Amino acid sequence: MNATDPIDRNRQIPLGVANGVAAGAVWGLVFLAPQLLKDFSAAQVSAGRYLAYGLIAALLLAPRWKAVAAMIGGAEWRALAGLSLLGNILYYLFLANAVWWAGGAAAALIVGLVPVVVSVAGTRFAGAIRFRRLAGPLALCLLGVVLVGWEALANDKTAHDPLTRAAGLACAFGALLSWTVYSVWNTRWLERRPDISGHDWSLLTGVTTGALALVLAVPAFLAPGQGGHGETDWGLFLGVSAGIAILASILGNGFWNRASRLLPLTLAGQMIVFETLFALLYGFVWEKRLPTGLEWIAIASLIAGVVWCARVHRAKGH
């Protein structure tokens, strides 16, 4: 436990799980953005979200900028740049293109493996729970992801040519890899710098992401054929971008950093399941329907896997 987080061990896992659930609840909203902004390109949606993230983060940090910046050296800025690129810009570009080129079903099935891959990666950390003790919880989570993907594939209306679909699948695996590396790397830096709060680390990530998004914004908005939107479209674009930046990026990343500090990576990885669960919930509300039988089983499997994983870690005394 970090010296700056004097939380009783009996409260550490429940509090960490609560922060993980909160992160998933706001991250799930991200999957509604493409639905609301379907007339804009993936690059425009991504650039808009992260420009807003950078601007709002900079405004929140402004009163304390000198004090916070004094704590950050060259190594930290380089890490923040890499984390911003992997966990934000590249991940979201990969995800959006995977959805459009390979279909939401295939993208969800591959990207949904993030919790399992991150948890497996966490077993390699010193003092981590052995993989065999996590095999059961991970199998349940994997079953839930497969069932979600199976149900979505059965209703997938994507009709792209094989080459486009292959490119979409490659993007889905790119999203899986980029977020896995981000999660492990971010956890390492949070452990290395316990004197920086998770909220401030999120805001610093936002400032860095906003700077990188400026590079993305030039081709996204100025390239030929990227215009043709009316005032109402742009008003919706700005509102959704700001809303997602505040909820998913600033609050969501802050919750996630807190969870990452309180939980071992083998359990923190499972918290990403809640992004899938809340994305499903919001999707049901958007489509005005109840889950199908397979979706109910998938939801139960995902929740049971996380609860089982938490019990394993509490029994070990993490």
Protein backbone atom coordinates (compact mmCIF):
# COMPACT_ATOMS: atom_id res chain seq x y z
CA MET A 1 0.00 0.00 0.00
CA ASN A 2 1.23 3.50 -0.77
CA ALA A 3 2.26 5.80 2.02
CA THR A 4 -0.12 8.42 0.65
CA ASP A 5 -3.07 6.01 0.71
CA PRO A 6 -3.40 4.97 4.39
CA ILE A 7 -6.45 2.76 3.86
CA ASP A 8 -7.14 -0.24 6.07
CA ARG A 9 -6.53 -3.49 4.18
CA ASN A 10 -10.06 -4.69 4.97
CA ARG A 11 -11.39 -1.69 3.04
CA GLN A 12 -8.77 -1.66 0.27
CA ILE A 13 -10.35 -4.24 -2.08
CA PRO A 14 -14.01 -3.10 -1.67
CA LEU A 15 -12.98 0.52 -2.20
CA GLY A 16 -10.84 -0.42 -5.18
CA VAL A 17 -13.69 -2.43 -6.71
CA ALA A 18 -16.08 0.50 -6.15
CA ASN A 19 -13.70 2.78 -8.06
CA GLY A 20 -13.39 0.17 -10.81
CA VAL A 21 -17.19 -0.05 -11.12
CA ALA A 22 -17.43 3.76 -11.26
CA ALA A 23 -14.78 3.87 -14.02
CA GLY A 24 -16.69 1.26 -16.02
CA ALA A 25 -19.96 3.15 -15.57
CA VAL A 26 -18.61 6.33 -17.20
CA TRP A 27 -16.39 4.55 -19.74
CA GLY A 28 -19.43 2.67 -21.02
CA LEU A 29 -20.82 5.99 -22.25
CA VAL A 30 -18.01 6.16 -24.82
CA PHE A 31 -19.75 3.51 -26.93
CA LEU A 32 -22.75 5.82 -27.38
CA ALA A 33 -20.64 8.63 -28.88
CA PRO A 34 -20.31 7.02 -32.36
CA GLN A 35 -24.09 6.49 -32.36
CA LEU A 36 -24.71 10.16 -31.62
CA LEU A 37 -21.99 11.41 -33.97
CA LYS A 38 -22.41 8.95 -36.84
CA ASP A 39 -21.99 11.71 -39.45
CA PHE A 40 -18.44 12.44 -38.28
CA SER A 41 -15.32 10.37 -38.98
CA ALA A 42 -13.46 8.28 -36.38
CA ALA A 43 -10.55 10.75 -36.47
CA GLN A 44 -12.90 13.70 -35.88
CA VAL A 45 -14.68 12.00 -32.97
CA SER A 46 -11.37 11.02 -31.40
CA ALA A 47 -9.77 14.44 -31.94
CA GLY A 48 -12.83 16.25 -30.56
CA ARG A 49 -12.98 14.12 -27.43
CA TYR A 50 -9.29 14.47 -26.63
CA LEU A 51 -8.99 18.16 -27.48
CA ALA A 52 -11.82 18.74 -25.01
CA TYR A 53 -10.09 16.44 -22.49
CA GLY A 54 -6.85 18.42 -22.81
CA LEU A 55 -8.54 21.81 -22.53
CA ILE A 56 -10.64 20.91 -19.48
CA ALA A 57 -7.68 19.18 -17.78
CA ALA A 58 -5.52 22.26 -18.37
CA LEU A 59 -8.20 24.54 -16.88
CA LEU A 60 -8.52 22.33 -13.78
CA LEU A 61 -4.75 22.20 -13.32
CA ALA A 62 -4.15 25.91 -13.99
CA PRO A 63 -4.49 27.13 -10.36
CA ARG A 64 -1.95 24.52 -9.19
CA TRP A 65 0.13 24.22 -12.35
CA LYS A 66 3.48 25.37 -10.92
CA ALA A 67 3.26 23.03 -7.92
CA VAL A 68 2.18 20.02 -9.98
CA ALA A 69 4.60 20.66 -12.85
CA ALA A 70 7.48 20.91 -10.37
CA MET A 71 6.84 17.25 -9.44
CA ILE A 72 7.18 16.07 -13.05
CA GLY A 73 10.50 15.45 -14.75
CA GLY A 74 11.49 14.43 -18.27
CA ALA A 75 10.93 10.73 -17.60
CA GLU A 76 7.39 11.40 -16.38
CA TRP A 77 6.52 13.58 -19.38
CA ARG A 78 7.82 10.91 -21.77
CA ALA A 79 5.77 8.27 -19.95
CA LEU A 80 2.66 10.49 -20.05
CA ALA A 81 3.13 10.99 -23.79
CA GLY A 82 3.39 7.23 -24.36
CA LEU A 83 0.43 6.49 -22.10
CA SER A 84 -1.68 9.17 -23.77
CA LEU A 85 -0.88 7.79 -27.21
CA LEU A 86 -1.54 4.15 -26.30
CA GLY A 87 -4.45 4.41 -23.89
CA ASN A 88 -6.32 7.27 -25.52
CA ILE A 89 -5.64 8.30 -29.10
CA LEU A 90 -4.44 5.04 -30.68
CA TYR A 91 -6.89 2.93 -28.69
CA TYR A 92 -9.92 4.99 -29.69
CA LEU A 93 -8.84 5.24 -33.35
CA PHE A 94 -8.33 1.46 -33.47
CA LEU A 95 -11.68 0.86 -31.75
CA ALA A 96 -13.72 3.20 -33.97
CA ASN A 97 -12.26 1.79 -37.19
CA ALA A 98 -12.70 -1.78 -35.94
CA VAL A 99 -16.40 -1.10 -35.37
CA TRP A 100 -16.89 0.48 -38.79
CA TRP A 101 -14.77 -1.96 -40.84
CA ALA A 102 -15.31 -5.29 -39.08
CA GLY A 103 -18.62 -4.60 -37.33
CA GLY A 104 -19.42 -3.90 -33.70
CA ALA A 105 -19.82 -7.59 -32.91
CA ALA A 106 -16.36 -8.68 -34.00
CA ALA A 107 -14.77 -5.60 -32.41
CA ALA A 108 -16.55 -6.20 -29.10
CA LEU A 109 -15.51 -9.85 -29.07
CA ILE A 110 -11.80 -9.04 -29.52
CA VAL A 111 -11.56 -5.84 -27.45
CA GLY A 112 -13.65 -7.56 -24.76
CA LEU A 113 -10.65 -9.80 -24.08
CA VAL A 114 -8.81 -6.87 -22.44
CA PRO A 115 -9.80 -7.85 -18.85
CA VAL A 116 -8.53 -11.39 -19.34
CA VAL A 117 -5.27 -10.37 -21.04
CA VAL A 118 -4.51 -7.66 -18.43
CA SER A 119 -5.19 -10.06 -15.55
CA VAL A 120 -2.96 -12.73 -17.09
CA ALA A 121 -0.22 -10.11 -17.55
CA GLY A 122 -0.65 -9.20 -13.87
CA THR A 123 0.23 -12.74 -12.75
CA ARG A 124 3.82 -12.01 -13.80
CA PHE A 125 4.18 -9.25 -11.17
CA ALA A 126 6.12 -10.02 -8.00
CA GLY A 127 3.84 -11.36 -5.27
CA ALA A 128 0.88 -11.80 -7.63
CA ILE A 129 -1.61 -14.65 -7.28
CA ARG A 130 -0.72 -17.66 -9.39
CA PHE A 131 -2.55 -18.09 -12.66
CA ARG A 132 -4.09 -21.44 -11.66
CA ARG A 133 -6.01 -19.75 -8.81
CA LEU A 134 -7.45 -17.23 -11.26
CA ALA A 135 -8.27 -19.75 -14.00
CA GLY A 136 -11.88 -20.17 -12.82
CA PRO A 137 -12.77 -16.44 -12.59
CA LEU A 138 -11.00 -15.72 -15.87
CA ALA A 139 -12.86 -18.57 -17.58
CA LEU A 140 -16.20 -17.10 -16.44
CA CYS A 141 -15.26 -13.65 -17.75
CA LEU A 142 -14.09 -15.18 -21.02
CA LEU A 143 -17.38 -17.07 -21.32
CA GLY A 144 -19.29 -13.81 -20.82
CA VAL A 145 -17.28 -12.05 -23.54
CA VAL A 146 -17.74 -14.96 -25.98
CA LEU A 147 -21.50 -15.05 -25.37
CA VAL A 148 -21.79 -11.28 -25.93
CA GLY A 149 -19.81 -11.61 -29.16
CA TRP A 150 -21.78 -14.65 -30.31
CA GLU A 151 -25.11 -12.90 -29.81
CA ALA A 152 -23.87 -9.77 -31.59
CA LEU A 153 -22.41 -11.74 -34.51
CA ALA A 154 -25.75 -13.48 -35.01
CA ASN A 155 -27.35 -10.07 -35.60
CA ASP A 156 -24.44 -8.41 -37.38
CA LYS A 157 -25.47 -6.76 -40.65
CA THR A 158 -21.94 -5.73 -41.70
CA ALA A 159 -21.33 -6.44 -45.37
CA HIS A 160 -17.80 -5.21 -46.05
CA ASP A 161 -15.43 -6.86 -48.49
CA PRO A 162 -12.91 -9.37 -47.03
CA LEU A 163 -9.97 -6.94 -47.19
CA THR A 164 -11.84 -4.20 -45.31
CA ARG A 165 -13.08 -6.69 -42.72
CA ALA A 166 -9.52 -8.01 -42.24
CA ALA A 167 -8.30 -4.45 -41.68
CA GLY A 168 -11.06 -4.00 -39.11
CA LEU A 169 -10.07 -7.17 -37.27
CA ALA A 170 -6.43 -5.99 -37.27
CA CYS A 171 -7.59 -2.70 -35.72
CA ALA A 172 -9.51 -4.62 -33.03
CA PHE A 173 -6.36 -6.52 -32.10
CA GLY A 174 -4.47 -3.23 -32.17
CA ALA A 175 -6.96 -1.80 -29.65
CA LEU A 176 -6.56 -4.90 -27.47
CA LEU A 177 -2.77 -4.61 -27.50
CA SER A 178 -2.62 -0.84 -26.98
CA TRP A 179 -4.94 -0.85 -23.95
CA THR A 180 -3.22 -3.88 -22.39
CA VAL A 181 0.19 -2.20 -22.61
CA TYR A 182 -1.31 1.07 -21.35
CA SER A 183 -2.90 -0.61 -18.32
CA VAL A 184 0.29 -2.39 -17.23
CA TRP A 185 2.51 0.62 -17.90
CA ASN A 186 0.15 3.05 -16.15
CA THR A 187 0.01 0.81 -13.06
CA ARG A 188 3.81 0.75 -12.93
CA TRP A 189 3.99 4.55 -12.99
CA LEU A 190 1.32 4.94 -10.33
CA GLU A 191 3.38 2.64 -8.10
CA ARG A 192 6.56 4.56 -8.91
CA ARG A 193 5.05 7.98 -8.08
CA PRO A 194 2.71 7.50 -5.08
CA ASP A 195 3.17 11.20 -4.24
CA ILE A 196 1.10 12.19 -7.29
CA SER A 197 -2.64 11.64 -6.80
CA GLY A 198 -4.56 9.54 -9.29
CA HIS A 199 -6.68 12.58 -10.15
CA ASP A 200 -3.64 14.74 -10.92
CA TRP A 201 -2.08 11.94 -12.97
CA SER A 202 -5.33 11.78 -14.97
CA LEU A 203 -5.26 15.56 -15.54
CA LEU A 204 -1.61 15.45 -16.60
CA THR A 205 -2.49 12.63 -18.99
CA GLY A 206 -5.28 14.85 -20.31
CA VAL A 207 -2.97 17.80 -20.97
CA THR A 208 -0.56 15.51 -22.83
CA THR A 209 -3.37 13.83 -24.76
CA GLY A 210 -4.77 17.21 -25.78
CA ALA A 211 -1.38 18.25 -27.16
CA LEU A 212 -1.16 15.03 -29.19
CA ALA A 213 -4.76 15.49 -30.38
CA LEU A 214 -3.77 18.80 -31.99
CA VAL A 215 -1.64 16.80 -34.43
CA LEU A 216 -4.59 14.48 -35.16
CA ALA A 217 -7.02 17.40 -35.53
CA VAL A 218 -5.29 18.93 -38.57
CA PRO A 219 -5.96 16.05 -41.02
CA ALA A 220 -9.21 15.14 -39.25
CA PHE A 221 -10.89 18.50 -39.80
CA LEU A 222 -8.98 20.10 -42.67
CA ALA A 223 -8.61 17.18 -45.10
CA PRO A 224 -10.74 17.39 -48.27
CA GLY A 225 -14.21 15.93 -47.91
CA GLN A 226 -14.40 16.39 -44.13
CA GLY A 227 -16.86 19.29 -44.15
CA GLY A 228 -20.57 19.49 -44.93
CA HIS A 229 -21.88 19.71 -41.37
CA GLY A 230 -24.45 22.27 -40.25
CA GLU A 231 -24.57 24.36 -37.08
CA THR A 232 -26.79 21.82 -35.33
CA ASP A 233 -24.32 19.02 -36.16
CA TRP A 234 -21.40 21.00 -34.79
CA GLY A 235 -23.35 21.94 -31.67
CA LEU A 236 -24.05 18.26 -31.00
CA PHE A 237 -20.41 17.41 -31.76
CA LEU A 238 -19.09 19.97 -29.24
CA GLY A 239 -21.60 18.93 -26.57
CA VAL A 240 -20.87 15.19 -26.89
CA SER A 241 -17.10 15.78 -27.05
CA ALA A 242 -17.15 17.91 -23.87
CA GLY A 243 -19.48 15.49 -22.07
CA ILE A 244 -17.40 12.43 -22.91
CA ALA A 245 -14.19 14.30 -22.00
CA ILE A 246 -15.51 15.22 -18.54
CA LEU A 247 -17.24 11.95 -17.71
CA ALA A 248 -15.18 9.26 -19.44
CA SER A 249 -11.74 10.84 -19.58
CA ILE A 250 -11.39 13.03 -16.49
CA LEU A 251 -13.70 11.27 -14.03
CA GLY A 252 -13.30 7.79 -15.53
CA ASN A 253 -9.50 7.92 -15.67
CA GLY A 254 -9.41 9.33 -12.14
CA PHE A 255 -11.54 6.43 -10.87
CA TRP A 256 -9.36 3.97 -12.78
CA ASN A 257 -6.11 5.37 -11.37
CA ARG A 258 -7.56 5.08 -7.86
CA ALA A 259 -8.60 1.47 -8.50
CA SER A 260 -5.17 0.69 -9.96
CA ARG A 261 -3.53 1.94 -6.76
CA LEU A 262 -5.81 -0.03 -4.44
CA LEU A 263 -5.93 -3.32 -6.34
CA PRO A 264 -3.30 -5.77 -7.63
CA LEU A 265 -3.21 -5.84 -11.45
CA THR A 266 -4.65 -9.38 -11.48
CA LEU A 267 -7.85 -7.96 -9.95
CA ALA A 268 -7.73 -4.47 -11.47
CA GLY A 269 -7.77 -6.08 -14.91
CA GLN A 270 -11.13 -7.62 -14.11
CA MET A 271 -12.58 -4.20 -13.36
CA ILE A 272 -12.50 -3.43 -17.10
CA VAL A 273 -15.38 -5.92 -17.37
CA PHE A 274 -17.65 -3.21 -15.99
CA GLU A 275 -17.02 -1.08 -19.08
CA THR A 276 -18.51 -3.93 -21.12
CA LEU A 277 -21.42 -4.37 -18.70
CA PHE A 278 -22.36 -0.70 -18.65
CA ALA A 279 -21.90 -0.40 -22.41
CA LEU A 280 -24.40 -3.26 -22.73
CA LEU A 281 -26.80 -1.56 -20.29
CA TYR A 282 -26.65 1.76 -22.15
CA GLY A 283 -27.05 -0.11 -25.43
CA PHE A 284 -30.23 -1.79 -24.17
CA VAL A 285 -31.61 1.60 -23.11
CA TRP A 286 -30.67 3.11 -26.49
CA GLU A 287 -32.32 0.21 -28.37
CA LYS A 288 -35.29 0.19 -25.93
CA ARG A 289 -35.13 -3.53 -25.28
CA LEU A 290 -34.32 -6.11 -22.61
CA PRO A 291 -31.34 -8.49 -22.82
CA THR A 292 -31.80 -11.79 -24.63
CA GLY A 293 -31.34 -15.09 -22.84
CA LEU A 294 -27.70 -15.37 -23.95
CA GLU A 295 -27.03 -11.79 -22.89
CA TRP A 296 -28.44 -12.47 -19.40
CA ILE A 297 -26.12 -15.49 -19.10
CA ALA A 298 -23.19 -13.37 -20.35
CA ILE A 299 -23.90 -10.62 -17.81
CA ALA A 300 -24.19 -13.16 -14.98
CA SER A 301 -20.91 -14.79 -16.05
CA LEU A 302 -19.05 -11.47 -16.12
CA ILE A 303 -20.31 -10.41 -12.69
CA ALA A 304 -19.69 -13.84 -11.16
CA GLY A 305 -16.14 -13.86 -12.55
CA VAL A 306 -15.32 -10.50 -10.96
CA VAL A 307 -16.86 -11.46 -7.58
CA TRP A 308 -14.98 -14.76 -7.58
CA CYS A 309 -11.72 -12.99 -8.47
CA ALA A 310 -12.21 -10.48 -5.63
CA ARG A 311 -12.84 -13.32 -3.13
CA VAL A 312 -9.64 -15.06 -4.24
CA HIS A 313 -7.65 -11.89 -3.62
CA ARG A 314 -9.26 -11.19 -0.25
CA ALA A 315 -8.51 -14.75 0.86
CA LYS A 316 -4.85 -14.20 -0.07
CA GLY A 317 -4.79 -11.01 2.00
CA HIS A 318 -4.12 -8.43 -0.73
